Amino acid sequence: MAGESSPPDRRALIALSWLWVGAPLCYGLYELVLKAKQLFTG
């Protein structure tokens, strides 16, 4: 079909988006585990 073009390659954008969300999430979970450990062990 004339006029159809392939979609742009967005793998880098998707990887950056996952990094943007995943890094703070992992840090938050790490801090949560530390605080929970501190809470239950005194």
Protein backbone atom coordinates (compact mmCIF):
# COMPACT_ATOMS: atom_id res chain seq x y z
CA MET A 1 0.00 0.00 0.00
CA ALA A 2 1.30 3.39 -0.90
CA GLY A 3 1.67 5.89 1.90
CA GLU A 4 2.21 3.33 4.67
CA SER A 5 5.51 3.57 6.45
CA SER A 6 7.00 1.46 9.17
CA PRO A 7 6.58 2.77 12.71
CA PRO A 8 9.59 4.49 14.23
CA ASP A 9 11.93 2.40 16.32
CA ARG A 10 11.16 3.31 19.91
CA ARG A 11 13.17 0.70 21.77
CA ALA A 12 15.54 3.28 23.24
CA LEU A 13 12.62 5.40 24.43
CA ILE A 14 10.93 2.37 25.98
CA ALA A 15 14.15 1.33 27.73
CA LEU A 16 14.65 4.86 29.04
CA SER A 17 11.06 4.96 30.27
CA TRP A 18 11.48 1.69 32.14
CA LEU A 19 14.70 2.98 33.66
CA TRP A 20 12.96 6.24 34.61
CA VAL A 21 10.29 4.30 36.52
CA GLY A 22 12.25 1.24 37.59
CA ALA A 23 15.23 2.91 39.25
CA PRO A 24 13.23 4.94 41.81
CA LEU A 25 10.95 1.96 42.37
CA CYS A 26 13.89 -0.31 43.17
CA TYR A 27 15.42 2.32 45.45
CA GLY A 28 12.07 2.71 47.24
CA LEU A 29 11.75 -1.02 47.74
CA TYR A 30 15.31 -1.17 49.04
CA GLU A 31 14.58 1.59 51.56
CA LEU A 32 11.32 -0.13 52.53
CA VAL A 33 13.13 -3.36 53.30
CA LEU A 34 15.71 -1.51 55.38
CA LYS A 35 13.02 0.32 57.37
CA ALA A 36 10.95 -2.83 57.86
CA LYS A 37 14.01 -4.71 59.05
CA GLN A 38 14.78 -1.89 61.47
CA LEU A 39 11.16 -1.84 62.68
CA PHE A 40 10.98 -5.54 63.46
CA THR A 41 14.47 -6.03 64.86
CA GLY A 42 14.62 -2.87 66.94
